[in-house]
PDB file of all heavy atoms in Angstrom:
ATOM      1  N   LEU A   1     -25.409 -79.213 -48.930  1.00  0.00           N
ATOM      2  CA  LEU A   1     -25.489 -79.784 -47.606  1.00  0.00           C
ATOM      3  C   LEU A   1     -24.647 -78.999 -46.594  1.00  0.00           C
ATOM      4  O   LEU A   1     -23.491 -78.691 -46.849  1.00  0.00           O
ATOM      5  CB  LEU A   1     -24.954 -81.224 -47.679  1.00  0.00           C
ATOM      6  CG  LEU A   1     -25.120 -82.093 -46.450  1.00  0.00           C
ATOM      7  CD1 LEU A   1     -26.613 -82.268 -46.129  1.00  0.00           C
ATOM      8  CD2 LEU A   1     -24.483 -83.436 -46.715  1.00  0.00           C
ATOM      9  N   PHE A   2     -25.266 -78.645 -45.460  1.00  0.00           N
ATOM     10  CA  PHE A   2     -24.558 -78.037 -44.353  1.00  0.00           C
ATOM     11  C   PHE A   2     -24.440 -79.078 -43.247  1.00  0.00           C
ATOM     12  O   PHE A   2     -25.377 -79.794 -42.967  1.00  0.00           O
ATOM     13  CB  PHE A   2     -25.335 -76.841 -43.779  1.00  0.00           C
ATOM     14  CG  PHE A   2     -25.262 -75.589 -44.631  1.00  0.00           C
ATOM     15  CD1 PHE A   2     -26.307 -75.264 -45.480  1.00  0.00           C
ATOM     16  CD2 PHE A   2     -24.197 -74.722 -44.538  1.00  0.00           C
ATOM     17  CE1 PHE A   2     -26.253 -74.122 -46.238  1.00  0.00           C
ATOM     18  CE2 PHE A   2     -24.134 -73.567 -45.280  1.00  0.00           C
ATOM     19  CZ  PHE A   2     -25.175 -73.264 -46.135  1.00  0.00           C
ATOM     20  N   HIS A   3     -23.265 -79.152 -42.628  1.00  0.00           N
ATOM     21  CA  HIS A   3     -23.071 -80.088 -41.532  1.00  0.00           C
ATOM     22  C   HIS A   3     -23.109 -79.380 -40.183  1.00  0.00           C
ATOM     23  O   HIS A   3     -23.138 -80.034 -39.152  1.00  0.00           O
ATOM     24  CB  HIS A   3     -21.743 -80.834 -41.681  1.00  0.00           C
ATOM     25  CG  HIS A   3     -21.661 -81.628 -42.937  1.00  0.00           C
ATOM     26  ND1 HIS A   3     -22.363 -82.821 -43.069  1.00  0.00           N
ATOM     27  CD2 HIS A   3     -21.052 -81.436 -44.123  1.00  0.00           C
ATOM     28  CE1 HIS A   3     -22.138 -83.332 -44.275  1.00  0.00           C
ATOM     29  NE2 HIS A   3     -21.353 -82.508 -44.916  1.00  0.00           N
ATOM     30  N   ASN A   4     -23.080 -78.065 -40.215  1.00  0.00           N
ATOM     31  CA  ASN A   4     -23.038 -77.257 -38.988  1.00  0.00           C
ATOM     32  C   ASN A   4     -24.290 -76.384 -38.969  1.00  0.00           C
ATOM     33  O   ASN A   4     -24.512 -75.585 -39.859  1.00  0.00           O
ATOM     34  CB  ASN A   4     -21.770 -76.398 -38.960  1.00  0.00           C
ATOM     35  CG  ASN A   4     -21.678 -75.547 -37.741  1.00  0.00           C
ATOM     36  OD1 ASN A   4     -22.477 -74.623 -37.558  1.00  0.00           O
ATOM     37  ND2 ASN A   4     -20.717 -75.835 -36.903  1.00  0.00           N
ATOM     38  N   ARG A   5     -25.114 -76.554 -37.926  1.00  0.00           N
ATOM     39  CA  ARG A   5     -26.383 -75.839 -37.887  1.00  0.00           C
ATOM     40  C   ARG A   5     -26.208 -74.347 -37.744  1.00  0.00           C
ATOM     41  O   ARG A   5     -27.046 -73.566 -38.241  1.00  0.00           O
ATOM     42  CB  ARG A   5     -27.278 -76.400 -36.787  1.00  0.00           C
ATOM     43  CG  ARG A   5     -26.730 -76.190 -35.394  1.00  0.00           C
ATOM     44  CD  ARG A   5     -27.582 -76.840 -34.361  1.00  0.00           C
ATOM     45  NE  ARG A   5     -27.061 -76.486 -33.050  1.00  0.00           N
ATOM     46  CZ  ARG A   5     -27.495 -77.014 -31.931  1.00  0.00           C
ATOM     47  NH1 ARG A   5     -28.483 -77.893 -31.968  1.00  0.00           N
ATOM     48  NH2 ARG A   5     -26.972 -76.657 -30.802  1.00  0.00           N
ATOM     49  N   GLU A   6     -25.164 -73.879 -37.070  1.00  0.00           N
ATOM     50  CA  GLU A   6     -24.960 -72.449 -36.903  1.00  0.00           C
ATOM     51  C   GLU A   6     -24.565 -71.797 -38.220  1.00  0.00           C
ATOM     52  O   GLU A   6     -25.017 -70.696 -38.533  1.00  0.00           O
ATOM     53  CB  GLU A   6     -23.927 -72.159 -35.824  1.00  0.00           C
ATOM     54  CG  GLU A   6     -24.397 -72.438 -34.405  1.00  0.00           C
ATOM     55  CD  GLU A   6     -24.349 -73.905 -34.002  1.00  0.00           C
ATOM     56  OE1 GLU A   6     -23.721 -74.712 -34.728  1.00  0.00           O
ATOM     57  OE2 GLU A   6     -24.936 -74.245 -32.947  1.00  0.00           O
ATOM     58  N   ILE A   7     -23.734 -72.447 -39.002  1.00  0.00           N
ATOM     59  CA  ILE A   7     -23.356 -71.910 -40.316  1.00  0.00           C
ATOM     60  C   ILE A   7     -24.561 -71.931 -41.245  1.00  0.00           C
ATOM     61  O   ILE A   7     -24.820 -70.962 -41.970  1.00  0.00           O
ATOM     62  CB  ILE A   7     -22.171 -72.681 -40.912  1.00  0.00           C
ATOM     63  CG1 ILE A   7     -20.935 -72.418 -40.055  1.00  0.00           C
ATOM     64  CG2 ILE A   7     -21.943 -72.306 -42.384  1.00  0.00           C
ATOM     65  CD1 ILE A   7     -19.733 -73.222 -40.425  1.00  0.00           C
ATOM     66  N   ALA A   8     -25.335 -73.003 -41.211  1.00  0.00           N
ATOM     67  CA  ALA A   8     -26.569 -73.080 -41.993  1.00  0.00           C
ATOM     68  C   ALA A   8     -27.511 -71.920 -41.625  1.00  0.00           C
ATOM     69  O   ALA A   8     -28.096 -71.277 -42.501  1.00  0.00           O
ATOM     70  CB  ALA A   8     -27.259 -74.406 -41.805  1.00  0.00           C
ATOM     71  N   LEU A   9     -27.638 -71.642 -40.331  1.00  0.00           N
ATOM     72  CA  LEU A   9     -28.499 -70.554 -39.872  1.00  0.00           C
ATOM     73  C   LEU A   9     -28.000 -69.209 -40.378  1.00  0.00           C
ATOM     74  O   LEU A   9     -28.784 -68.355 -40.783  1.00  0.00           O
ATOM     75  CB  LEU A   9     -28.591 -70.553 -38.360  1.00  0.00           C
ATOM     76  CG  LEU A   9     -29.475 -69.475 -37.714  1.00  0.00           C
ATOM     77  CD1 LEU A   9     -30.930 -69.645 -38.169  1.00  0.00           C
ATOM     78  CD2 LEU A   9     -29.364 -69.532 -36.199  1.00  0.00           C
ATOM     79  N   ALA A  10     -26.686 -69.005 -40.355  1.00  0.00           N
ATOM     80  CA  ALA A  10     -26.133 -67.740 -40.840  1.00  0.00           C
ATOM     81  C   ALA A  10     -26.448 -67.536 -42.320  1.00  0.00           C
ATOM     82  O   ALA A  10     -26.856 -66.427 -42.729  1.00  0.00           O
ATOM     83  CB  ALA A  10     -24.613 -67.727 -40.647  1.00  0.00           C
ATOM     84  N   PHE A  11     -26.358 -68.577 -43.131  1.00  0.00           N
ATOM     85  CA  PHE A  11     -26.685 -68.440 -44.553  1.00  0.00           C
ATOM     86  C   PHE A  11     -28.190 -68.306 -44.770  1.00  0.00           C
ATOM     87  O   PHE A  11     -28.627 -67.635 -45.689  1.00  0.00           O
ATOM     88  CB  PHE A  11     -26.090 -69.582 -45.383  1.00  0.00           C
ATOM     89  CG  PHE A  11     -24.639 -69.330 -45.689  1.00  0.00           C
ATOM     90  CD1 PHE A  11     -23.629 -69.838 -44.889  1.00  0.00           C
ATOM     91  CD2 PHE A  11     -24.288 -68.557 -46.783  1.00  0.00           C
ATOM     92  CE1 PHE A  11     -22.308 -69.573 -45.155  1.00  0.00           C
ATOM     93  CE2 PHE A  11     -22.948 -68.292 -47.069  1.00  0.00           C
ATOM     94  CZ  PHE A  11     -21.950 -68.792 -46.253  1.00  0.00           C
ATOM     95  N   TYR A  12     -28.991 -68.902 -43.915  1.00  0.00           N
ATOM     96  CA  TYR A  12     -30.436 -68.726 -43.985  1.00  0.00           C
ATOM     97  C   TYR A  12     -30.793 -67.274 -43.729  1.00  0.00           C
ATOM     98  O   TYR A  12     -31.598 -66.692 -44.496  1.00  0.00           O
ATOM     99  CB  TYR A  12     -31.105 -69.632 -42.946  1.00  0.00           C
ATOM    100  CG  TYR A  12     -32.541 -69.311 -42.671  1.00  0.00           C
ATOM    101  CD1 TYR A  12     -33.526 -69.481 -43.645  1.00  0.00           C
ATOM    102  CD2 TYR A  12     -32.915 -68.832 -41.426  1.00  0.00           C
ATOM    103  CE1 TYR A  12     -34.856 -69.178 -43.369  1.00  0.00           C
ATOM    104  CE2 TYR A  12     -34.266 -68.530 -41.144  1.00  0.00           C
ATOM    105  CZ  TYR A  12     -35.196 -68.711 -42.126  1.00  0.00           C
ATOM    106  OH  TYR A  12     -36.508 -68.409 -41.854  1.00  0.00           O
ATOM    107  N   LEU A  13     -30.208 -66.668 -42.726  1.00  0.00           N
ATOM    108  CA  LEU A  13     -30.477 -65.251 -42.455  1.00  0.00           C
ATOM    109  C   LEU A  13     -30.001 -64.346 -43.593  1.00  0.00           C
ATOM    110  O   LEU A  13     -30.712 -63.407 -43.973  1.00  0.00           O
ATOM    111  CB  LEU A  13     -29.838 -64.819 -41.134  1.00  0.00           C
ATOM    112  CG  LEU A  13     -30.430 -65.439 -39.894  1.00  0.00           C
ATOM    113  CD1 LEU A  13     -29.610 -65.125 -38.655  1.00  0.00           C
ATOM    114  CD2 LEU A  13     -31.870 -65.010 -39.718  1.00  0.00           C
ATOM    115  N   ALA A  14     -28.845 -64.671 -44.142  1.00  0.00           N
ATOM    116  CA  ALA A  14     -28.358 -63.909 -45.291  1.00  0.00           C
ATOM    117  C   ALA A  14     -29.319 -64.056 -46.469  1.00  0.00           C
ATOM    118  O   ALA A  14     -29.613 -63.109 -47.190  1.00  0.00           O
ATOM    119  CB  ALA A  14     -26.953 -64.352 -45.654  1.00  0.00           C
ATOM    120  N   ALA A  15     -29.815 -65.291 -46.675  1.00  0.00           N
ATOM    121  CA  ALA A  15     -30.728 -65.530 -47.805  1.00  0.00           C
ATOM    122  C   ALA A  15     -32.030 -64.761 -47.641  1.00  0.00           C
ATOM    123  O   ALA A  15     -32.626 -64.311 -48.627  1.00  0.00           O
ATOM    124  CB  ALA A  15     -31.001 -67.036 -47.921  1.00  0.00           C
ATOM    125  N   LEU A  16     -32.490 -64.590 -46.405  1.00  0.00           N
ATOM    126  CA  LEU A  16     -33.724 -63.820 -46.178  1.00  0.00           C
ATOM    127  C   LEU A  16     -33.553 -62.369 -46.605  1.00  0.00           C
ATOM    128  O   LEU A  16     -34.528 -61.731 -47.023  1.00  0.00           O
ATOM    129  CB  LEU A  16     -34.142 -63.879 -44.703  1.00  0.00           C
ATOM    130  CG  LEU A  16     -34.800 -65.184 -44.248  1.00  0.00           C
ATOM    131  CD1 LEU A  16     -35.040 -65.101 -42.746  1.00  0.00           C
ATOM    132  CD2 LEU A  16     -36.092 -65.417 -44.983  1.00  0.00           C
ATOM    133  N   THR A  17     -32.354 -61.838 -46.502  1.00  0.00           N
ATOM    134  CA  THR A  17     -32.120 -60.456 -46.904  1.00  0.00           C
ATOM    135  C   THR A  17     -31.733 -60.353 -48.384  1.00  0.00           C
ATOM    136  O   THR A  17     -31.701 -59.255 -48.904  1.00  0.00           O
ATOM    137  CB  THR A  17     -31.006 -59.814 -46.086  1.00  0.00           C
ATOM    138  OG1 THR A  17     -29.756 -60.463 -46.347  1.00  0.00           O
ATOM    139  CG2 THR A  17     -31.285 -59.919 -44.576  1.00  0.00           C
ATOM    140  N   GLY A  18     -31.437 -61.468 -49.012  1.00  0.00           N
ATOM    141  CA  GLY A  18     -30.974 -61.452 -50.397  1.00  0.00           C
ATOM    142  C   GLY A  18     -32.114 -61.258 -51.400  1.00  0.00           C
ATOM    143  O   GLY A  18     -33.300 -61.349 -51.080  1.00  0.00           O
ATOM    144  N   HIS A  19     -31.699 -60.996 -52.625  1.00  0.00           N
ATOM    145  CA  HIS A  19     -32.653 -60.829 -53.744  1.00  0.00           C
ATOM    146  C   HIS A  19     -32.613 -62.100 -54.554  1.00  0.00           C
ATOM    147  O   HIS A  19     -31.541 -62.614 -54.878  1.00  0.00           O
ATOM    148  CB  HIS A  19     -32.248 -59.638 -54.603  1.00  0.00           C
ATOM    149  CG  HIS A  19     -32.328 -58.358 -53.852  1.00  0.00           C
ATOM    150  ND1 HIS A  19     -33.501 -57.687 -53.628  1.00  0.00           N
ATOM    151  CD2 HIS A  19     -31.366 -57.610 -53.227  1.00  0.00           C
ATOM    152  CE1 HIS A  19     -33.267 -56.614 -52.915  1.00  0.00           C
ATOM    153  NE2 HIS A  19     -31.972 -56.529 -52.677  1.00  0.00           N
ATOM    154  N   GLY A  20     -33.754 -62.592 -54.886  1.00  0.00           N
ATOM    155  CA  GLY A  20     -33.814 -63.826 -55.635  1.00  0.00           C
ATOM    156  C   GLY A  20     -34.048 -65.006 -54.727  1.00  0.00           C
ATOM    157  O   GLY A  20     -33.866 -64.916 -53.501  1.00  0.00           O
ATOM    158  N   LYS A  21     -34.446 -66.102 -55.297  1.00  0.00           N
ATOM    159  CA  LYS A  21     -34.778 -67.297 -54.523  1.00  0.00           C
ATOM    160  C   LYS A  21     -33.511 -68.039 -54.101  1.00  0.00           C
ATOM    161  O   LYS A  21     -32.550 -68.135 -54.852  1.00  0.00           O
ATOM    162  CB  LYS A  21     -35.650 -68.227 -55.369  1.00  0.00           C
ATOM    163  CG  LYS A  21     -36.125 -69.439 -54.599  1.00  0.00           C
ATOM    164  CD  LYS A  21     -37.086 -70.263 -55.430  1.00  0.00           C
ATOM    165  CE  LYS A  21     -37.562 -71.422 -54.573  1.00  0.00           C
ATOM    166  NZ  LYS A  21     -38.540 -72.238 -55.276  1.00  0.00           N
ATOM    167  N   SER A  22     -33.554 -68.554 -52.876  1.00  0.00           N
ATOM    168  CA  SER A  22     -32.490 -69.406 -52.355  1.00  0.00           C
ATOM    169  C   SER A  22     -33.063 -70.760 -52.042  1.00  0.00           C
ATOM    170  O   SER A  22     -34.221 -70.877 -51.626  1.00  0.00           O
ATOM    171  CB  SER A  22     -31.878 -68.794 -51.091  1.00  0.00           C
ATOM    172  OG  SER A  22     -31.179 -67.627 -51.374  1.00  0.00           O
ATOM    173  N   THR A  23     -32.277 -71.792 -52.247  1.00  0.00           N
ATOM    174  CA  THR A  23     -32.691 -73.144 -51.887  1.00  0.00           C
ATOM    175  C   THR A  23     -31.623 -73.761 -51.004  1.00  0.00           C
ATOM    176  O   THR A  23     -30.427 -73.470 -51.126  1.00  0.00           O
ATOM    177  CB  THR A  23     -32.904 -74.022 -53.125  1.00  0.00           C
ATOM    178  OG1 THR A  23     -31.684 -74.094 -53.885  1.00  0.00           O
ATOM    179  CG2 THR A  23     -34.007 -73.476 -54.015  1.00  0.00           C
ATOM    180  N   PHE A  24     -32.070 -74.612 -50.093  1.00  0.00           N
ATOM    181  CA  PHE A  24     -31.185 -75.321 -49.186  1.00  0.00           C
ATOM    182  C   PHE A  24     -31.458 -76.818 -49.368  1.00  0.00           C
ATOM    183  O   PHE A  24     -32.596 -77.254 -49.266  1.00  0.00           O
ATOM    184  CB  PHE A  24     -31.482 -74.918 -47.730  1.00  0.00           C
ATOM    185  CG  PHE A  24     -31.027 -73.536 -47.389  1.00  0.00           C
ATOM    186  CD1 PHE A  24     -31.764 -72.426 -47.724  1.00  0.00           C
ATOM    187  CD2 PHE A  24     -29.834 -73.340 -46.734  1.00  0.00           C
ATOM    188  CE1 PHE A  24     -31.345 -71.153 -47.427  1.00  0.00           C
ATOM    189  CE2 PHE A  24     -29.393 -72.082 -46.383  1.00  0.00           C
ATOM    190  CZ  PHE A  24     -30.140 -70.985 -46.746  1.00  0.00           C
ATOM    191  N   GLU A  25     -30.392 -77.562 -49.635  1.00  0.00           N
ATOM    192  CA  GLU A  25     -30.523 -79.001 -49.847  1.00  0.00           C
ATOM    193  C   GLU A  25     -31.130 -79.704 -48.639  1.00  0.00           C
ATOM    194  O   GLU A  25     -31.929 -80.610 -48.768  1.00  0.00           O
ATOM    195  CB  GLU A  25     -29.160 -79.609 -50.168  1.00  0.00           C
ATOM    196  CG  GLU A  25     -29.215 -81.086 -50.511  1.00  0.00           C
ATOM    197  CD  GLU A  25     -27.867 -81.627 -50.893  1.00  0.00           C
ATOM    198  OE1 GLU A  25     -27.117 -80.968 -51.628  1.00  0.00           O
ATOM    199  OE2 GLU A  25     -27.545 -82.742 -50.419  1.00  0.00           O
ATOM    200  N   ASN A  26     -30.729 -79.293 -47.475  1.00  0.00           N
ATOM    201  CA  ASN A  26     -31.242 -79.920 -46.224  1.00  0.00           C
ATOM    202  C   ASN A  26     -31.718 -78.856 -45.260  1.00  0.00           C
ATOM    203  O   ASN A  26     -31.140 -78.662 -44.195  1.00  0.00           O
ATOM    204  CB  ASN A  26     -30.191 -80.840 -45.615  1.00  0.00           C
ATOM    205  CG  ASN A  26     -28.960 -80.061 -45.128  1.00  0.00           C
ATOM    206  OD1 ASN A  26     -28.607 -79.044 -45.671  1.00  0.00           O
ATOM    207  ND2 ASN A  26     -28.330 -80.547 -44.085  1.00  0.00           N
ATOM    208  N   PHE A  27     -32.780 -78.179 -45.600  1.00  0.00           N
ATOM    209  CA  PHE A  27     -33.296 -77.098 -44.748  1.00  0.00           C
ATOM    210  C   PHE A  27     -33.663 -77.611 -43.365  1.00  0.00           C
ATOM    211  O   PHE A  27     -33.734 -76.869 -42.405  1.00  0.00           O
ATOM    212  CB  PHE A  27     -34.517 -76.431 -45.405  1.00  0.00           C
ATOM    213  CG  PHE A  27     -34.970 -75.202 -44.684  1.00  0.00           C
ATOM    214  CD1 PHE A  27     -34.213 -74.051 -44.719  1.00  0.00           C
ATOM    215  CD2 PHE A  27     -36.151 -75.212 -43.966  1.00  0.00           C
ATOM    216  CE1 PHE A  27     -34.623 -72.908 -44.007  1.00  0.00           C
ATOM    217  CE2 PHE A  27     -36.565 -74.083 -43.263  1.00  0.00           C
ATOM    218  CZ  PHE A  27     -35.795 -72.939 -43.312  1.00  0.00           C
ATOM    219  N   GLU A  28     -33.867 -78.923 -43.228  1.00  0.00           N
ATOM    220  CA  GLU A  28     -34.231 -79.506 -41.946  1.00  0.00           C
ATOM    221  C   GLU A  28     -33.199 -79.215 -40.854  1.00  0.00           C
ATOM    222  O   GLU A  28     -33.577 -79.086 -39.690  1.00  0.00           O
ATOM    223  CB  GLU A  28     -34.389 -81.027 -42.068  1.00  0.00           C
ATOM    224  CG  GLU A  28     -35.531 -81.458 -42.971  1.00  0.00           C
ATOM    225  CD  GLU A  28     -35.187 -81.392 -44.472  1.00  0.00           C
ATOM    226  OE1 GLU A  28     -33.996 -81.385 -44.817  1.00  0.00           O
ATOM    227  OE2 GLU A  28     -36.123 -81.329 -45.254  1.00  0.00           O
ATOM    228  N   ILE A  29     -31.937 -79.076 -41.220  1.00  0.00           N
ATOM    229  CA  ILE A  29     -30.925 -78.781 -40.200  1.00  0.00           C
ATOM    230  C   ILE A  29     -31.210 -77.444 -39.531  1.00  0.00           C
ATOM    231  O   ILE A  29     -30.921 -77.242 -38.345  1.00  0.00           O
ATOM    232  CB  ILE A  29     -29.479 -78.807 -40.786  1.00  0.00           C
ATOM    233  CG1 ILE A  29     -28.443 -78.833 -39.638  1.00  0.00           C
ATOM    234  CG2 ILE A  29     -29.237 -77.623 -41.689  1.00  0.00           C
ATOM    235  CD1 ILE A  29     -27.024 -79.091 -40.091  1.00  0.00           C
ATOM    236  N   ILE A  30     -31.834 -76.527 -40.247  1.00  0.00           N
ATOM    237  CA  ILE A  30     -32.218 -75.236 -39.672  1.00  0.00           C
ATOM    238  C   ILE A  30     -33.595 -75.364 -39.024  1.00  0.00           C
ATOM    239  O   ILE A  30     -33.755 -75.005 -37.842  1.00  0.00           O
ATOM    240  CB  ILE A  30     -32.249 -74.147 -40.759  1.00  0.00           C
ATOM    241  CG1 ILE A  30     -30.884 -74.020 -41.454  1.00  0.00           C
ATOM    242  CG2 ILE A  30     -32.713 -72.812 -40.183  1.00  0.00           C
ATOM    243  CD1 ILE A  30     -30.917 -73.242 -42.740  1.00  0.00           C
ATOM    244  N   ASN A  31     -34.530 -75.854 -39.739  1.00  0.00           N
ATOM    245  CA  ASN A  31     -35.914 -75.929 -39.258  1.00  0.00           C
ATOM    246  C   ASN A  31     -36.064 -76.823 -38.034  1.00  0.00           C
ATOM    247  O   ASN A  31     -36.803 -76.471 -37.118  1.00  0.00           O
ATOM    248  CB  ASN A  31     -36.842 -76.422 -40.382  1.00  0.00           C
ATOM    249  CG  ASN A  31     -38.284 -76.031 -40.157  1.00  0.00           C
ATOM    250  OD1 ASN A  31     -38.551 -74.948 -39.646  1.00  0.00           O
ATOM    251  ND2 ASN A  31     -39.181 -76.885 -40.529  1.00  0.00           N
ATOM    252  N   ASP A  32     -35.356 -77.950 -37.979  1.00  0.00           N
ATOM    253  CA  ASP A  32     -35.439 -78.847 -36.817  1.00  0.00           C
ATOM    254  C   ASP A  32     -34.755 -78.280 -35.570  1.00  0.00           C
ATOM    255  O   ASP A  32     -35.191 -78.552 -34.463  1.00  0.00           O
ATOM    256  CB  ASP A  32     -34.811 -80.226 -37.139  1.00  0.00           C
ATOM    257  CG  ASP A  32     -35.625 -80.997 -38.155  1.00  0.00           C
ATOM    258  OD1 ASP A  32     -36.755 -80.598 -38.494  1.00  0.00           O
ATOM    259  OD2 ASP A  32     -35.103 -82.032 -38.653  1.00  0.00           O
ATOM    260  N   ASN A  33     -33.724 -77.481 -35.748  1.00  0.00           N
ATOM    261  CA  ASN A  33     -32.979 -76.940 -34.626  1.00  0.00           C
ATOM    262  C   ASN A  33     -33.501 -75.572 -34.170  1.00  0.00           C
ATOM    263  O   ASN A  33     -33.275 -75.197 -32.995  1.00  0.00           O
ATOM    264  CB  ASN A  33     -31.471 -76.828 -34.958  1.00  0.00           C
ATOM    265  CG  ASN A  33     -30.824 -78.189 -35.011  1.00  0.00           C
ATOM    266  OD1 ASN A  33     -30.609 -78.786 -33.964  1.00  0.00           O
ATOM    267  ND2 ASN A  33     -30.545 -78.684 -36.197  1.00  0.00           N
ATOM    268  N   TYR A  34     -34.133 -74.831 -35.040  1.00  0.00           N
ATOM    269  CA  TYR A  34     -34.596 -73.479 -34.702  1.00  0.00           C
ATOM    270  C   TYR A  34     -36.013 -73.271 -35.235  1.00  0.00           C
ATOM    271  O   TYR A  34     -36.298 -72.295 -35.920  1.00  0.00           O
ATOM    272  CB  TYR A  34     -33.675 -72.442 -35.343  1.00  0.00           C
ATOM    273  CG  TYR A  34     -32.207 -72.628 -35.020  1.00  0.00           C
ATOM    274  CD1 TYR A  34     -31.337 -73.213 -35.930  1.00  0.00           C
ATOM    275  CD2 TYR A  34     -31.699 -72.223 -33.790  1.00  0.00           C
ATOM    276  CE1 TYR A  34     -29.990 -73.379 -35.634  1.00  0.00           C
ATOM    277  CE2 TYR A  34     -30.355 -72.371 -33.478  1.00  0.00           C
ATOM    278  CZ  TYR A  34     -29.510 -72.957 -34.416  1.00  0.00           C
ATOM    279  OH  TYR A  34     -28.180 -73.109 -34.122  1.00  0.00           O
ATOM    280  N   PRO A  35     -36.984 -74.135 -34.904  1.00  0.00           N
ATOM    281  CA  PRO A  35     -38.322 -74.032 -35.536  1.00  0.00           C
ATOM    282  C   PRO A  35     -39.034 -72.718 -35.207  1.00  0.00           C
ATOM    283  O   PRO A  35     -39.638 -72.115 -36.110  1.00  0.00           O
ATOM    284  CB  PRO A  35     -39.062 -75.246 -34.984  1.00  0.00           C
ATOM    285  CG  PRO A  35     -38.357 -75.613 -33.714  1.00  0.00           C
ATOM    286  CD  PRO A  35     -36.905 -75.254 -33.954  1.00  0.00           C
ATOM    287  N   ASP A  36     -39.012 -72.281 -33.956  1.00  0.00           N
ATOM    288  CA  ASP A  36     -39.706 -71.043 -33.612  1.00  0.00           C
ATOM    289  C   ASP A  36     -39.061 -69.835 -34.274  1.00  0.00           C
ATOM    290  O   ASP A  36     -39.730 -68.896 -34.700  1.00  0.00           O
ATOM    291  CB  ASP A  36     -39.744 -70.841 -32.087  1.00  0.00           C
ATOM    292  CG  ASP A  36     -40.529 -71.948 -31.403  1.00  0.00           C
ATOM    293  OD1 ASP A  36     -41.452 -72.528 -32.041  1.00  0.00           O
ATOM    294  OD2 ASP A  36     -40.263 -72.224 -30.232  1.00  0.00           O
ATOM    295  N   PHE A  37     -37.730 -69.856 -34.315  1.00  0.00           N
ATOM    296  CA  PHE A  37     -36.988 -68.769 -34.947  1.00  0.00           C
ATOM    297  C   PHE A  37     -37.293 -68.691 -36.432  1.00  0.00           C
ATOM    298  O   PHE A  37     -37.500 -67.596 -36.976  1.00  0.00           O
ATOM    299  CB  PHE A  37     -35.486 -68.974 -34.725  1.00  0.00           C
ATOM    300  CG  PHE A  37     -34.650 -67.835 -35.184  1.00  0.00           C
ATOM    301  CD1 PHE A  37     -34.625 -66.640 -34.476  1.00  0.00           C
ATOM    302  CD2 PHE A  37     -33.892 -67.920 -36.324  1.00  0.00           C
ATOM    303  CE1 PHE A  37     -33.859 -65.579 -34.884  1.00  0.00           C
ATOM    304  CE2 PHE A  37     -33.129 -66.863 -36.758  1.00  0.00           C
ATOM    305  CZ  PHE A  37     -33.109 -65.684 -36.035  1.00  0.00           C
ATOM    306  N   VAL A  38     -37.391 -69.825 -37.100  1.00  0.00           N
ATOM    307  CA  VAL A  38     -37.718 -69.856 -38.535  1.00  0.00           C
ATOM    308  C   VAL A  38     -39.080 -69.265 -38.794  1.00  0.00           C
ATOM    309  O   VAL A  38     -39.237 -68.412 -39.664  1.00  0.00           O
ATOM    310  CB  VAL A  38     -37.622 -71.288 -39.088  1.00  0.00           C
ATOM    311  CG1 VAL A  38     -38.204 -71.389 -40.498  1.00  0.00           C
ATOM    312  CG2 VAL A  38     -36.183 -71.778 -39.104  1.00  0.00           C
ATOM    313  N   VAL A  39     -40.071 -69.656 -38.007  1.00  0.00           N
ATOM    314  CA  VAL A  39     -41.429 -69.095 -38.181  1.00  0.00           C
ATOM    315  C   VAL A  39     -41.405 -67.592 -37.966  1.00  0.00           C
ATOM    316  O   VAL A  39     -41.994 -66.836 -38.747  1.00  0.00           O
ATOM    317  CB  VAL A  39     -42.422 -69.798 -37.219  1.00  0.00           C
ATOM    318  CG1 VAL A  39     -43.756 -69.078 -37.191  1.00  0.00           C
ATOM    319  CG2 VAL A  39     -42.604 -71.246 -37.616  1.00  0.00           C
ATOM    320  N   MET A  40     -40.739 -67.143 -36.911  1.00  0.00           N
ATOM    321  CA  MET A  40     -40.674 -65.703 -36.604  1.00  0.00           C
ATOM    322  C   MET A  40     -40.014 -64.938 -37.756  1.00  0.00           C
ATOM    323  O   MET A  40     -40.522 -63.910 -38.203  1.00  0.00           O
ATOM    324  CB  MET A  40     -39.933 -65.465 -35.310  1.00  0.00           C
ATOM    325  CG  MET A  40     -39.811 -63.998 -34.934  1.00  0.00           C
ATOM    326  SD  MET A  40     -38.869 -63.736 -33.421  1.00  0.00           S
ATOM    327  CE  MET A  40     -37.230 -64.219 -33.944  1.00  0.00           C
TER     328      MET A  40
END
């Protein structure tokens, strides 16, 4: 669980560059706050 959307976003971006699958318990904190950015 992330309580801060900016920190969650930073780890999301790091996960996109990482090797292997990443999971987020509450991906909604990222997707709900940055939907267009996530799609892009």
